C-alpha atoms as a PDB file:
ATOM      1  CA  MET A   1      -0.350  -2.786  -0.845  1.00  0.00           C
ATOM      2  CA  VAL A   2      -1.490   0.267   1.044  1.00  0.00           C
ATOM      3  CA  MET A   3      -0.751   2.770  -1.719  1.00  0.00           C
ATOM      4  CA  GLY A   4      -2.262   0.619  -4.465  1.00  0.00           C
ATOM      5  CA  SER A   5      -5.566   0.370  -2.635  1.00  0.00           C
ATOM      6  CA  ILE A   6      -5.625   4.089  -1.864  1.00  0.00           C
ATOM      7  CA  ALA A   7      -4.689   4.911  -5.479  1.00  0.00           C
ATOM      8  CA  ASP A   8      -7.598   2.748  -6.601  1.00  0.00           C
ATOM      9  CA  GLY A   9      -9.911   4.672  -4.288  1.00  0.00           C
ATOM     10  CA  LEU A  10      -8.573   7.977  -5.619  1.00  0.00           C
ATOM     11  CA  GLY A  11      -9.486   6.905  -9.145  1.00  0.00           C
ATOM     12  CA  GLN A  12      -5.895   6.473 -10.343  1.00  0.00           C
ATOM     13  CA  GLY A  13      -6.489   2.943 -11.567  1.00  0.00           C
ATOM     14  CA  TYR A  14      -6.694  -0.545 -10.196  1.00  0.00           C
ATOM     15  CA  GLN A  15      -3.579  -1.936 -11.932  1.00  0.00           C
ATOM     16  CA  GLN A  16      -1.420  -2.235  -8.797  1.00  0.00           C
ATOM     17  CA  PRO A  17      -4.007  -4.124  -6.706  1.00  0.00           C
ATOM     18  CA  ALA A  18      -4.878  -6.343  -9.683  1.00  0.00           C
ATOM     19  CA  LEU A  19      -1.237  -7.249 -10.271  1.00  0.00           C
ATOM     20  CA  LYS A  20      -0.748  -7.965  -6.580  1.00  0.00           C
ATOM     21  CA  ALA A  21      -3.867 -10.150  -6.598  1.00  0.00           C
ATOM     22  CA  VAL A  22      -2.421 -12.275  -9.400  1.00  0.00           C
ATOM     23  CA  VAL A  23       0.915 -12.644  -7.605  1.00  0.00           C
ATOM     24  CA  ASP A  24      -0.876 -13.434  -4.322  1.00  0.00           C
ATOM     25  CA  GLY A  25      -2.973 -16.026  -6.150  1.00  0.00           C
ATOM     26  CA  PHE A  26       0.131 -17.891  -7.298  1.00  0.00           C
ATOM     27  CA  ALA A  27       1.604 -17.692  -3.797  1.00  0.00           C
ATOM     28  CA  ALA A  28      -1.689 -18.929  -2.305  1.00  0.00           C
ATOM     29  CA  VAL A  29      -1.599 -22.031  -4.507  1.00  0.00           C
ATOM     30  CA  ALA A  30       1.888 -22.838  -3.267  1.00  0.00           C
ATOM     31  CA  PHE A  31       0.939 -22.181   0.349  1.00  0.00           C
ATOM     32  CA  ALA A  32      -2.279 -24.213   0.052  1.00  0.00           C
ATOM     33  CA  ALA A  33      -0.240 -27.211  -1.064  1.00  0.00           C
ATOM     34  CA  THR A  34       1.719 -26.956   2.177  1.00  0.00           C
ATOM     35  CA  PHE A  35      -0.716 -25.534   4.723  1.00  0.00           C
ATOM     36  CA  GLY A  36      -4.069 -26.714   3.394  1.00  0.00           C
ATOM     37  CA  VAL A  37      -7.448 -25.042   3.200  1.00  0.00           C
ATOM     38  CA  GLY A  38      -6.673 -22.515   5.929  1.00  0.00           C
ATOM     39  CA  VAL A  39      -4.920 -20.384   3.333  1.00  0.00           C
ATOM     40  CA  MET A  40      -8.332 -19.471   1.881  1.00  0.00           C
ATOM     41  CA  ALA A  41      -9.239 -17.820   5.190  1.00  0.00           C
ATOM     42  CA  SER A  42      -6.490 -15.257   4.582  1.00  0.00           C
ATOM     43  CA  ALA A  43      -8.341 -14.095   1.475  1.00  0.00           C
ATOM     44  CA  LEU A  44     -11.120 -12.706   3.679  1.00  0.00           C
ATOM     45  CA  THR A  45      -8.630 -10.703   5.721  1.00  0.00           C
ATOM     46  CA  ILE A  46      -7.025  -9.292   2.579  1.00  0.00           C
ATOM     47  CA  LEU A  47     -10.451  -8.405   1.182  1.00  0.00           C
ATOM     48  CA  VAL A  48     -11.400  -6.527   4.347  1.00  0.00           C
ATOM     49  CA  VAL A  49      -8.115  -4.632   4.727  1.00  0.00           C
ATOM     50  CA  GLN A  50      -7.587  -3.677   1.082  1.00  0.00           C
ATOM     51  CA  GLY A  51     -11.287  -3.006   0.583  1.00  0.00           C
ATOM     52  CA  SER A  52     -11.375  -0.634   3.537  1.00  0.00           C
ATOM     53  CA  LEU A  53      -8.286   1.175   2.221  1.00  0.00           C
ATOM     54  CA  THR A  54      -9.994   1.565  -1.161  1.00  0.00           C
ATOM     55  CA  VAL A  55     -13.105   2.986   0.521  1.00  0.00           C
ATOM     56  CA  LEU A  56     -10.880   5.311   2.577  1.00  0.00           C
ATOM     57  CA  GLY A  57      -9.198   6.526  -0.617  1.00  0.00           C
ATOM     58  CA  THR A  58     -12.589   7.148  -2.183  1.00  0.00           C
ATOM     59  CA  LEU A  59     -13.774   9.174   0.816  1.00  0.00           C
ATOM     60  CA  VAL A  60     -10.549  11.162   1.239  1.00  0.00           C
ATOM     61  CA  GLY A  61      -9.968  11.700  -2.483  1.00  0.00           C
ATOM     62  CA  GLY A  62     -12.602  14.415  -2.698  1.00  0.00           C
ATOM     63  CA  PHE A  63     -10.746  16.898  -0.532  1.00  0.00           C
ATOM     64  CA  LEU A  64      -7.119  15.735  -0.569  1.00  0.00           C
ATOM     65  CA  PRO A  65      -4.910  18.134  -2.583  1.00  0.00           C
ATOM     66  CA  ASP A  66      -2.618  16.818  -5.311  1.00  0.00           C
ATOM     67  CA  THR A  67       0.486  17.726  -3.300  1.00  0.00           C
ATOM     68  CA  HIS A  68      -0.634  15.433  -0.481  1.00  0.00           C
ATOM     69  CA  VAL A  69      -1.322  12.577  -2.884  1.00  0.00           C
ATOM     70  CA  SER A  70       2.096  13.097  -4.484  1.00  0.00           C
ATOM     71  CA  ALA A  71       3.777  13.068  -1.061  1.00  0.00           C
ATOM     72  CA  MET A  72       2.006   9.826  -0.141  1.00  0.00           C
ATOM     73  CA  THR A  73       2.923   8.272  -3.486  1.00  0.00           C
ATOM     74  CA  ALA A  74       6.587   9.214  -3.098  1.00  0.00           C
ATOM     75  CA  THR A  75       6.631   7.860   0.448  1.00  0.00           C
ATOM     76  CA  GLY A  76       5.012   4.637  -0.753  1.00  0.00           C
ATOM     77  CA  GLY A  77       7.719   4.312  -3.391  1.00  0.00           C
ATOM     78  CA  LEU A  78      10.425   4.670  -0.751  1.00  0.00           C
ATOM     79  CA  LEU A  79       8.713   2.012   1.348  1.00  0.00           C
ATOM     80  CA  LEU A  80       8.720  -0.296  -1.676  1.00  0.00           C
ATOM     81  CA  ILE A  81      12.454   0.284  -2.044  1.00  0.00           C
ATOM     82  CA  GLY A  82      12.788  -0.697   1.607  1.00  0.00           C
ATOM     83  CA  VAL A  83      10.860  -3.913   0.941  1.00  0.00           C
ATOM     84  CA  ALA A  84      13.116  -4.648  -2.035  1.00  0.00           C
ATOM     85  CA  LEU A  85      16.262  -4.098   0.039  1.00  0.00           C
ATOM     86  CA  ARG A  86      14.899  -6.457   2.663  1.00  0.00           C
ATOM     87  CA  LEU A  87      13.938  -9.140   0.123  1.00  0.00           C
ATOM     88  CA  LEU A  88      17.351  -8.947  -1.510  1.00  0.00           C
ATOM     89  CA  ARG A  89      18.941  -9.105   1.939  1.00  0.00           C
ATOM     90  CA  VAL A  90      20.934  -5.966   1.266  1.00  0.00           C
ATOM     91  CA  ARG A  91      19.677  -4.310   4.443  1.00  0.00           C
ATOM     92  CA  GLU A  92      17.254  -5.515   7.107  1.00  0.00           C
ATOM     93  CA  LEU A  93      14.818  -2.588   7.301  1.00  0.00           C
ATOM     94  CA  ARG A  94      11.711  -2.784   9.438  1.00  0.00           C
ATOM     95  CA  VAL A  95       9.423  -1.392   6.783  1.00  0.00           C
ATOM     96  CA  ALA A  96       6.224  -1.886   8.807  1.00  0.00           C
ATOM     97  CA  ASP A  97       7.625   0.507  11.420  1.00  0.00           C
ATOM     98  CA  LEU A  98       7.823   3.144   8.678  1.00  0.00           C
ATOM     99  CA  LEU A  99       4.133   2.951   7.667  1.00  0.00           C
ATOM    100  CA  PRO A 100       3.191   6.007   9.787  1.00  0.00           C
ATOM    101  CA  ALA A 101       5.291   8.002   7.306  1.00  0.00           C
ATOM    102  CA  LEU A 102       2.309   7.717   4.946  1.00  0.00           C
ATOM    103  CA  LEU A 103       0.363   9.909   7.376  1.00  0.00           C
ATOM    104  CA  VAL A 104       3.246  12.282   8.108  1.00  0.00           C
ATOM    105  CA  ALA A 105       4.190  12.902   4.455  1.00  0.00           C
ATOM    106  CA  PRO A 106       1.067  14.963   3.580  1.00  0.00           C
ATOM    107  CA  LEU A 107       1.563  17.073   6.702  1.00  0.00           C
ATOM    108  CA  LEU A 108       5.172  17.784   5.758  1.00  0.00           C
ATOM    109  CA  ALA A 109       4.069  18.597   2.212  1.00  0.00           C
ATOM    110  CA  LYS A 110       1.554  21.081   3.585  1.00  0.00           C
ATOM    111  CA  ILE A 111       4.262  22.747   5.669  1.00  0.00           C
ATOM    112  CA  ALA A 112       6.669  22.806   2.711  1.00  0.00           C
ATOM    113  CA  VAL A 113       4.085  24.441   0.432  1.00  0.00           C
ATOM    114  CA  ARG A 114       3.550  27.245   2.955  1.00  0.00           C
ATOM    115  CA  LEU A 115       7.247  28.051   3.246  1.00  0.00           C
ATOM    116  CA  PRO A 116       8.351  31.122   1.297  1.00  0.00           C
END
Protein backbone atom coordinates (compact mmCIF):
# COMPACT_ATOMS: atom_id res chain seq x y z
CA MET A 1 0.00 0.00 0.00
CA VAL A 2 2.78 2.35 -0.97
CA MET A 3 0.60 4.79 -2.91
CA GLY A 4 -2.15 4.86 -0.30
CA SER A 5 0.28 5.87 2.43
CA ILE A 6 1.91 8.51 0.24
CA ALA A 7 -1.52 9.83 -0.82
CA ASP A 8 -2.42 10.11 2.85
CA GLY A 9 0.76 12.09 3.47
CA LEU A 10 -0.01 14.35 0.50
CA GLY A 11 -3.38 15.19 2.04
CA GLN A 12 -5.45 13.29 -0.54
CA GLY A 13 -7.31 11.30 2.08
CA TYR A 14 -6.81 8.27 4.23
CA GLN A 15 -9.50 6.07 2.63
CA GLN A 16 -7.12 3.63 0.91
CA PRO A 17 -5.00 2.90 4.01
CA ALA A 18 -8.14 2.64 6.17
CA LEU A 19 -9.75 0.15 3.79
CA LYS A 20 -6.56 -1.88 3.65
CA ALA A 21 -6.38 -1.86 7.45
CA VAL A 22 -9.87 -3.36 7.67
CA VAL A 23 -9.03 -6.06 5.12
CA ASP A 24 -5.71 -6.77 6.87
CA GLY A 25 -7.57 -7.03 10.18
CA PHE A 26 -9.82 -9.78 8.83
CA ALA A 27 -6.82 -11.58 7.36
CA ALA A 28 -4.94 -11.23 10.67
CA VAL A 29 -7.79 -12.95 12.53
CA ALA A 30 -7.62 -15.88 10.14
CA PHE A 31 -3.83 -16.05 10.35
CA ALA A 32 -3.86 -15.76 14.15
CA ALA A 33 -6.10 -18.82 14.33
CA THR A 34 -3.44 -20.76 12.45
CA PHE A 35 -0.13 -19.17 13.45
CA GLY A 36 -0.89 -17.82 16.91
CA VAL A 37 0.11 -14.62 18.66
CA GLY A 38 3.11 -14.00 16.41
CA VAL A 39 0.77 -12.45 13.87
CA MET A 40 0.41 -9.41 16.15
CA ALA A 41 4.13 -8.74 15.75
CA SER A 42 3.54 -8.06 12.05
CA ALA A 43 1.32 -5.13 13.00
CA LEU A 44 4.37 -3.27 14.32
CA THR A 45 6.20 -3.76 11.03
CA ILE A 46 3.21 -2.51 9.06
CA LEU A 47 2.90 0.50 11.36
CA VAL A 48 6.55 1.42 10.87
CA VAL A 49 6.60 0.97 7.08
CA GLN A 50 3.28 2.62 6.27
CA GLY A 51 3.82 5.32 8.88
CA SER A 52 7.20 6.22 7.41
CA LEU A 53 5.68 6.37 3.91
CA THR A 54 2.98 8.71 5.22
CA VAL A 55 5.62 10.95 6.81
CA LEU A 56 7.61 10.85 3.55
CA GLY A 57 4.50 11.92 1.63
CA THR A 58 3.96 14.77 4.07
CA LEU A 59 7.54 15.98 3.69
CA VAL A 60 7.67 15.62 -0.11
CA GLY A 61 4.16 16.95 -0.72
CA GLY A 62 5.22 20.55 -0.18
CA PHE A 63 7.43 20.73 -3.25
CA LEU A 64 6.27 17.87 -5.48
CA PRO A 65 4.44 19.18 -8.58
CA ASP A 66 1.02 17.82 -9.53
CA THR A 67 2.42 16.17 -12.66
CA HIS A 68 4.79 14.08 -10.54
CA VAL A 69 1.99 13.05 -8.18
CA SER A 70 -0.18 12.11 -11.17
CA ALA A 71 2.65 10.04 -12.67
CA MET A 72 3.15 8.21 -9.37
CA THR A 73 -0.59 7.61 -9.04
CA ALA A 74 -0.85 6.21 -12.56
CA THR A 75 2.16 3.98 -11.97
CA GLY A 76 0.63 2.77 -8.71
CA GLY A 77 -2.56 1.92 -10.57
CA LEU A 78 -0.61 -0.15 -13.09
CA LEU A 79 1.12 -1.96 -10.24
CA LEU A 80 -2.28 -2.75 -8.74
CA ILE A 81 -3.35 -4.21 -12.07
CA GLY A 82 -0.22 -6.36 -11.94
CA VAL A 83 -1.18 -7.57 -8.46
CA ALA A 84 -4.68 -8.38 -9.70
CA LEU A 85 -3.32 -10.35 -12.66
CA ARG A 86 -1.10 -12.30 -10.29
CA LEU A 87 -3.92 -13.00 -7.81
CA LEU A 88 -6.20 -14.17 -10.60
CA ARG A 89 -3.35 -16.30 -11.95
CA VAL A 90 -3.70 -14.74 -15.38
CA ARG A 91 -0.01 -13.83 -15.49
CA GLU A 92 2.77 -14.32 -12.96
CA LEU A 93 4.22 -10.80 -12.73
CA ARG A 94 6.91 -9.96 -10.21
CA VAL A 95 5.27 -6.77 -9.06
CA ALA A 96 7.80 -6.07 -6.29
CA ASP A 97 10.51 -5.85 -8.95
CA LEU A 98 8.51 -3.02 -10.54
CA LEU A 99 8.37 -0.83 -7.40
CA PRO A 100 11.32 1.34 -8.55
CA ALA A 101 8.97 2.55 -11.30
CA LEU A 102 7.37 4.74 -8.61
CA LEU A 103 10.63 6.68 -8.45
CA VAL A 104 11.23 6.70 -12.21
CA ALA A 105 7.71 7.87 -13.17
CA PRO A 106 8.11 11.45 -11.82
CA LEU A 107 11.44 11.78 -13.62
CA LEU A 108 9.89 10.67 -16.90
CA ALA A 109 7.00 13.07 -16.32
CA LYS A 110 9.47 15.90 -15.83
CA ILE A 111 11.21 15.02 -19.09
CA ALA A 112 7.88 14.73 -20.92
CA VAL A 113 6.72 18.15 -19.70
CA ARG A 114 9.89 19.77 -21.04
CA LEU A 115 9.51 18.28 -24.51
CA PRO A 116 8.15 20.69 -27.12
